[in-house]
Amino acid sequence: CALPPNWLAQGDEEYTQLVSDIKSHETYHTHFEVWESQYRDPRFLSKLTLGQFGSQVELELHDWLHMRWASVARDPANGHVLDVPRLDRRPHRRLVPRP
């Protein structure tokens, strides 16, 4: 299948490598096919609580699917690549004030 190409996260080589690895054929076979097999196996599923299953799907499969299919941000008007900083690299305001 044709995945969107990997992009370079300027100043964050570790993240760039992570996304590149997740988009690789090797990762498809070593992770995505394994998850598919596990989540179709009644014996595997019977050993998990619903909470454990939900956490695995959300924090492993779901997150990795986002990164595997992610592409660079583009301006819808002209298709040019946008230079958008990663959200977790920008300073955050606390939603709940410190006591």
N, C-alpha and C. Protein backbone atom coordinates (compact mmCIF):
# COMPACT_ATOMS: atom_id res chain seq x y z
N CYS A 1 0.85 -1.18 0.00
CA CYS A 1 0.00 0.00 0.00
C CYS A 1 0.89 1.24 0.00
N ALA A 2 0.37 2.30 -0.50
CA ALA A 2 1.13 3.55 -0.62
C ALA A 2 0.85 4.44 0.59
N LEU A 3 1.86 4.59 1.41
CA LEU A 3 1.75 5.46 2.58
C LEU A 3 2.22 6.86 2.21
N PRO A 4 1.71 7.88 2.91
CA PRO A 4 2.28 9.21 2.72
C PRO A 4 3.76 9.16 3.10
N PRO A 5 4.60 9.90 2.40
CA PRO A 5 6.03 9.86 2.71
C PRO A 5 6.31 10.42 4.10
N ASN A 6 7.42 9.98 4.66
CA ASN A 6 7.85 10.52 5.94
C ASN A 6 8.30 11.96 5.76
N TRP A 7 8.30 12.71 6.83
CA TRP A 7 8.78 14.07 6.76
C TRP A 7 9.84 14.27 7.82
N LEU A 8 10.59 15.33 7.69
CA LEU A 8 11.63 15.66 8.65
C LEU A 8 11.07 16.65 9.66
N ALA A 9 11.11 16.28 10.92
CA ALA A 9 10.74 17.19 12.00
C ALA A 9 12.02 17.94 12.36
N GLN A 10 12.16 19.15 11.85
CA GLN A 10 13.40 19.91 12.05
C GLN A 10 13.71 20.05 13.53
N GLY A 11 14.94 19.73 13.89
CA GLY A 11 15.39 19.85 15.26
C GLY A 11 14.95 18.69 16.15
N ASP A 12 14.32 17.68 15.58
CA ASP A 12 13.86 16.54 16.38
C ASP A 12 14.13 15.24 15.60
N GLU A 13 15.39 14.86 15.57
CA GLU A 13 15.79 13.67 14.82
C GLU A 13 15.17 12.41 15.39
N GLU A 14 14.98 12.36 16.71
CA GLU A 14 14.40 11.18 17.34
C GLU A 14 12.96 10.95 16.85
N TYR A 15 12.17 12.02 16.79
CA TYR A 15 10.79 11.90 16.31
C TYR A 15 10.76 11.55 14.82
N THR A 16 11.63 12.17 14.05
CA THR A 16 11.71 11.87 12.62
C THR A 16 11.99 10.38 12.42
N GLN A 17 12.92 9.83 13.19
CA GLN A 17 13.26 8.41 13.07
C GLN A 17 12.10 7.54 13.52
N LEU A 18 11.41 7.92 14.60
CA LEU A 18 10.27 7.15 15.08
C LEU A 18 9.20 7.04 14.00
N VAL A 19 8.83 8.15 13.38
CA VAL A 19 7.81 8.13 12.34
C VAL A 19 8.29 7.32 11.14
N SER A 20 9.54 7.47 10.78
CA SER A 20 10.10 6.69 9.68
C SER A 20 10.02 5.19 9.98
N ASP A 21 10.36 4.81 11.20
CA ASP A 21 10.30 3.40 11.59
C ASP A 21 8.86 2.88 11.55
N ILE A 22 7.91 3.66 12.03
CA ILE A 22 6.51 3.23 12.06
C ILE A 22 5.97 3.05 10.64
N LYS A 23 6.48 3.82 9.69
CA LYS A 23 6.03 3.72 8.30
C LYS A 23 6.73 2.60 7.53
N SER A 24 7.68 1.92 8.16
CA SER A 24 8.47 0.91 7.45
C SER A 24 7.68 -0.39 7.24
N HIS A 25 8.10 -1.15 6.22
CA HIS A 25 7.49 -2.46 5.96
C HIS A 25 7.76 -3.40 7.12
N GLU A 26 8.95 -3.31 7.69
CA GLU A 26 9.30 -4.18 8.81
C GLU A 26 8.34 -3.99 9.98
N THR A 27 8.04 -2.74 10.32
CA THR A 27 7.13 -2.46 11.43
C THR A 27 5.73 -2.97 11.12
N TYR A 28 5.33 -2.88 9.86
CA TYR A 28 4.02 -3.42 9.49
C TYR A 28 3.94 -4.90 9.86
N HIS A 29 5.00 -5.65 9.53
CA HIS A 29 4.99 -7.08 9.79
C HIS A 29 5.23 -7.41 11.27
N THR A 30 6.06 -6.64 11.94
CA THR A 30 6.40 -6.97 13.33
C THR A 30 5.41 -6.41 14.35
N HIS A 31 4.59 -5.45 13.96
CA HIS A 31 3.65 -4.86 14.91
C HIS A 31 2.20 -4.95 14.43
N PHE A 32 1.91 -4.35 13.28
CA PHE A 32 0.52 -4.27 12.84
C PHE A 32 -0.09 -5.65 12.56
N GLU A 33 0.65 -6.52 11.90
CA GLU A 33 0.14 -7.87 11.66
C GLU A 33 0.00 -8.66 12.96
N VAL A 34 0.91 -8.43 13.90
CA VAL A 34 0.82 -9.11 15.19
C VAL A 34 -0.42 -8.64 15.94
N TRP A 35 -0.64 -7.32 15.97
CA TRP A 35 -1.85 -6.81 16.64
C TRP A 35 -3.11 -7.37 16.00
N GLU A 36 -3.14 -7.40 14.68
CA GLU A 36 -4.32 -7.94 13.99
C GLU A 36 -4.56 -9.39 14.41
N SER A 37 -3.51 -10.18 14.46
CA SER A 37 -3.64 -11.57 14.85
C SER A 37 -4.12 -11.69 16.30
N GLN A 38 -3.53 -10.92 17.19
CA GLN A 38 -3.92 -10.97 18.61
C GLN A 38 -5.38 -10.57 18.81
N TYR A 39 -5.79 -9.50 18.15
CA TYR A 39 -7.13 -8.97 18.39
C TYR A 39 -8.21 -9.79 17.69
N ARG A 40 -7.82 -10.81 16.94
CA ARG A 40 -8.77 -11.75 16.34
C ARG A 40 -8.75 -13.10 17.08
N ASP A 41 -7.87 -13.21 18.06
CA ASP A 41 -7.69 -14.48 18.78
C ASP A 41 -8.51 -14.48 20.07
N PRO A 42 -9.58 -15.28 20.14
CA PRO A 42 -10.41 -15.30 21.35
C PRO A 42 -9.63 -15.69 22.60
N ARG A 43 -8.63 -16.56 22.47
CA ARG A 43 -7.84 -16.95 23.65
C ARG A 43 -7.03 -15.77 24.18
N PHE A 44 -6.43 -15.00 23.28
CA PHE A 44 -5.67 -13.82 23.70
C PHE A 44 -6.62 -12.81 24.35
N LEU A 45 -7.73 -12.55 23.69
CA LEU A 45 -8.67 -11.55 24.19
C LEU A 45 -9.28 -11.95 25.53
N SER A 46 -9.48 -13.24 25.75
CA SER A 46 -10.11 -13.70 26.99
C SER A 46 -9.23 -13.45 28.21
N LYS A 47 -7.95 -13.20 28.00
CA LYS A 47 -7.03 -12.96 29.11
C LYS A 47 -6.92 -11.49 29.49
N LEU A 48 -7.58 -10.62 28.71
CA LEU A 48 -7.52 -9.18 28.97
C LEU A 48 -8.81 -8.68 29.58
N THR A 49 -8.69 -7.71 30.48
CA THR A 49 -9.89 -7.00 30.92
C THR A 49 -10.26 -6.03 29.81
N LEU A 50 -11.47 -5.51 29.87
CA LEU A 50 -11.88 -4.53 28.87
C LEU A 50 -10.99 -3.29 28.94
N GLY A 51 -10.59 -2.90 30.15
CA GLY A 51 -9.69 -1.75 30.30
C GLY A 51 -8.32 -2.00 29.69
N GLN A 52 -7.78 -3.19 29.89
CA GLN A 52 -6.49 -3.53 29.29
C GLN A 52 -6.58 -3.52 27.77
N PHE A 53 -7.64 -4.11 27.24
CA PHE A 53 -7.83 -4.13 25.80
C PHE A 53 -7.95 -2.71 25.25
N GLY A 54 -8.76 -1.88 25.89
CA GLY A 54 -8.93 -0.50 25.44
C GLY A 54 -7.63 0.28 25.47
N SER A 55 -6.86 0.10 26.52
CA SER A 55 -5.57 0.79 26.63
C SER A 55 -4.62 0.35 25.53
N GLN A 56 -4.56 -0.95 25.26
CA GLN A 56 -3.68 -1.44 24.21
C GLN A 56 -4.08 -0.89 22.85
N VAL A 57 -5.37 -0.92 22.56
CA VAL A 57 -5.83 -0.43 21.26
C VAL A 57 -5.54 1.06 21.13
N GLU A 58 -5.83 1.82 22.16
CA GLU A 58 -5.66 3.28 22.10
C GLU A 58 -4.19 3.69 22.07
N LEU A 59 -3.39 3.14 22.97
CA LEU A 59 -2.02 3.62 23.14
C LEU A 59 -1.02 2.94 22.20
N GLU A 60 -1.40 1.84 21.61
CA GLU A 60 -0.50 1.16 20.67
C GLU A 60 -1.03 1.29 19.25
N LEU A 61 -2.00 0.50 18.92
CA LEU A 61 -2.50 0.45 17.55
C LEU A 61 -3.02 1.79 17.05
N HIS A 62 -3.90 2.42 17.79
CA HIS A 62 -4.53 3.67 17.34
C HIS A 62 -3.50 4.78 17.15
N ASP A 63 -2.62 4.98 18.12
CA ASP A 63 -1.60 6.03 18.00
C ASP A 63 -0.67 5.76 16.82
N TRP A 64 -0.27 4.51 16.67
CA TRP A 64 0.65 4.18 15.58
C TRP A 64 -0.02 4.31 14.22
N LEU A 65 -1.31 4.02 14.13
CA LEU A 65 -2.02 4.22 12.86
C LEU A 65 -2.02 5.69 12.47
N HIS A 66 -2.22 6.57 13.45
CA HIS A 66 -2.15 8.01 13.16
C HIS A 66 -0.79 8.36 12.55
N MET A 67 0.28 7.89 13.18
CA MET A 67 1.62 8.23 12.69
C MET A 67 1.93 7.55 11.36
N ARG A 68 1.46 6.33 11.19
CA ARG A 68 1.74 5.60 9.94
C ARG A 68 1.10 6.30 8.74
N TRP A 69 -0.09 6.83 8.91
CA TRP A 69 -0.82 7.45 7.81
C TRP A 69 -0.70 8.96 7.78
N ALA A 70 0.03 9.53 8.72
CA ALA A 70 0.18 10.99 8.78
C ALA A 70 1.00 11.49 7.60
N SER A 71 0.70 12.70 7.22
CA SER A 71 1.45 13.35 6.15
C SER A 71 1.80 14.76 6.61
N VAL A 72 2.60 15.42 5.84
CA VAL A 72 2.93 16.80 6.17
C VAL A 72 1.68 17.66 6.04
N ALA A 73 1.61 18.73 6.82
CA ALA A 73 0.49 19.67 6.72
C ALA A 73 0.65 20.50 5.45
N ARG A 74 -0.45 20.66 4.73
CA ARG A 74 -0.40 21.43 3.49
C ARG A 74 -1.46 22.53 3.51
N ASP A 75 -1.16 23.62 2.86
CA ASP A 75 -2.11 24.71 2.68
C ASP A 75 -3.16 24.25 1.67
N PRO A 76 -4.44 24.20 2.07
CA PRO A 76 -5.46 23.71 1.15
C PRO A 76 -5.63 24.59 -0.09
N ALA A 77 -5.24 25.85 0.00
CA ALA A 77 -5.41 26.76 -1.13
C ALA A 77 -4.41 26.48 -2.26
N ASN A 78 -3.17 26.10 -1.88
CA ASN A 78 -2.16 25.95 -2.94
C ASN A 78 -1.36 24.64 -2.85
N GLY A 79 -1.59 23.86 -1.80
CA GLY A 79 -0.89 22.59 -1.67
C GLY A 79 0.52 22.67 -1.15
N HIS A 80 1.00 23.87 -0.82
CA HIS A 80 2.36 24.01 -0.31
C HIS A 80 2.46 23.47 1.11
N VAL A 81 3.61 22.92 1.43
CA VAL A 81 3.86 22.39 2.77
C VAL A 81 3.89 23.54 3.76
N LEU A 82 3.18 23.35 4.89
CA LEU A 82 3.17 24.34 5.96
C LEU A 82 4.20 23.96 7.02
N ASP A 83 4.87 24.94 7.55
CA ASP A 83 5.83 24.71 8.62
C ASP A 83 5.09 24.87 9.94
N VAL A 84 4.55 23.76 10.44
CA VAL A 84 3.76 23.78 11.67
C VAL A 84 4.56 23.09 12.76
N PRO A 85 4.85 23.78 13.86
CA PRO A 85 5.61 23.12 14.93
C PRO A 85 4.79 22.03 15.59
N ARG A 86 5.47 21.02 16.10
CA ARG A 86 4.77 19.96 16.82
C ARG A 86 4.13 20.53 18.06
N LEU A 87 2.92 20.10 18.35
CA LEU A 87 2.17 20.62 19.49
C LEU A 87 2.92 20.44 20.79
N ASP A 88 3.52 19.28 21.00
CA ASP A 88 4.17 19.04 22.28
C ASP A 88 5.51 19.75 22.41
N ARG A 89 5.91 20.48 21.40
CA ARG A 89 7.13 21.27 21.48
C ARG A 89 6.84 22.73 21.85
N ARG A 90 5.58 23.13 21.77
CA ARG A 90 5.22 24.50 22.10
C ARG A 90 4.90 24.60 23.58
N PRO A 91 5.11 25.77 24.18
CA PRO A 91 4.77 25.90 25.60
C PRO A 91 3.26 25.76 25.79
N HIS A 92 2.88 25.10 26.86
CA HIS A 92 1.46 24.90 27.17
C HIS A 92 1.06 25.76 28.36
N ARG A 93 -0.18 26.16 28.35
CA ARG A 93 -0.77 26.78 29.54
C ARG A 93 -1.40 25.67 30.34
N ARG A 94 -1.30 25.76 31.62
CA ARG A 94 -1.95 24.77 32.47
C ARG A 94 -3.46 24.99 32.45
N LEU A 95 -4.21 23.92 32.28
CA LEU A 95 -5.67 24.03 32.30
C LEU A 95 -6.18 24.15 33.73
N VAL A 96 -5.46 23.54 34.64
CA VAL A 96 -5.84 23.61 36.05
C VAL A 96 -4.73 24.36 36.78
N PRO A 97 -5.09 25.48 37.45
CA PRO A 97 -4.03 26.23 38.14
C PRO A 97 -3.41 25.41 39.26
N ARG A 98 -2.14 25.66 39.50
CA ARG A 98 -1.46 24.98 40.61
C ARG A 98 -2.01 25.50 41.93
N PRO A 99 -2.10 24.61 42.92
CA PRO A 99 -2.62 25.04 44.24
C PRO A 99 -1.66 25.98 44.94
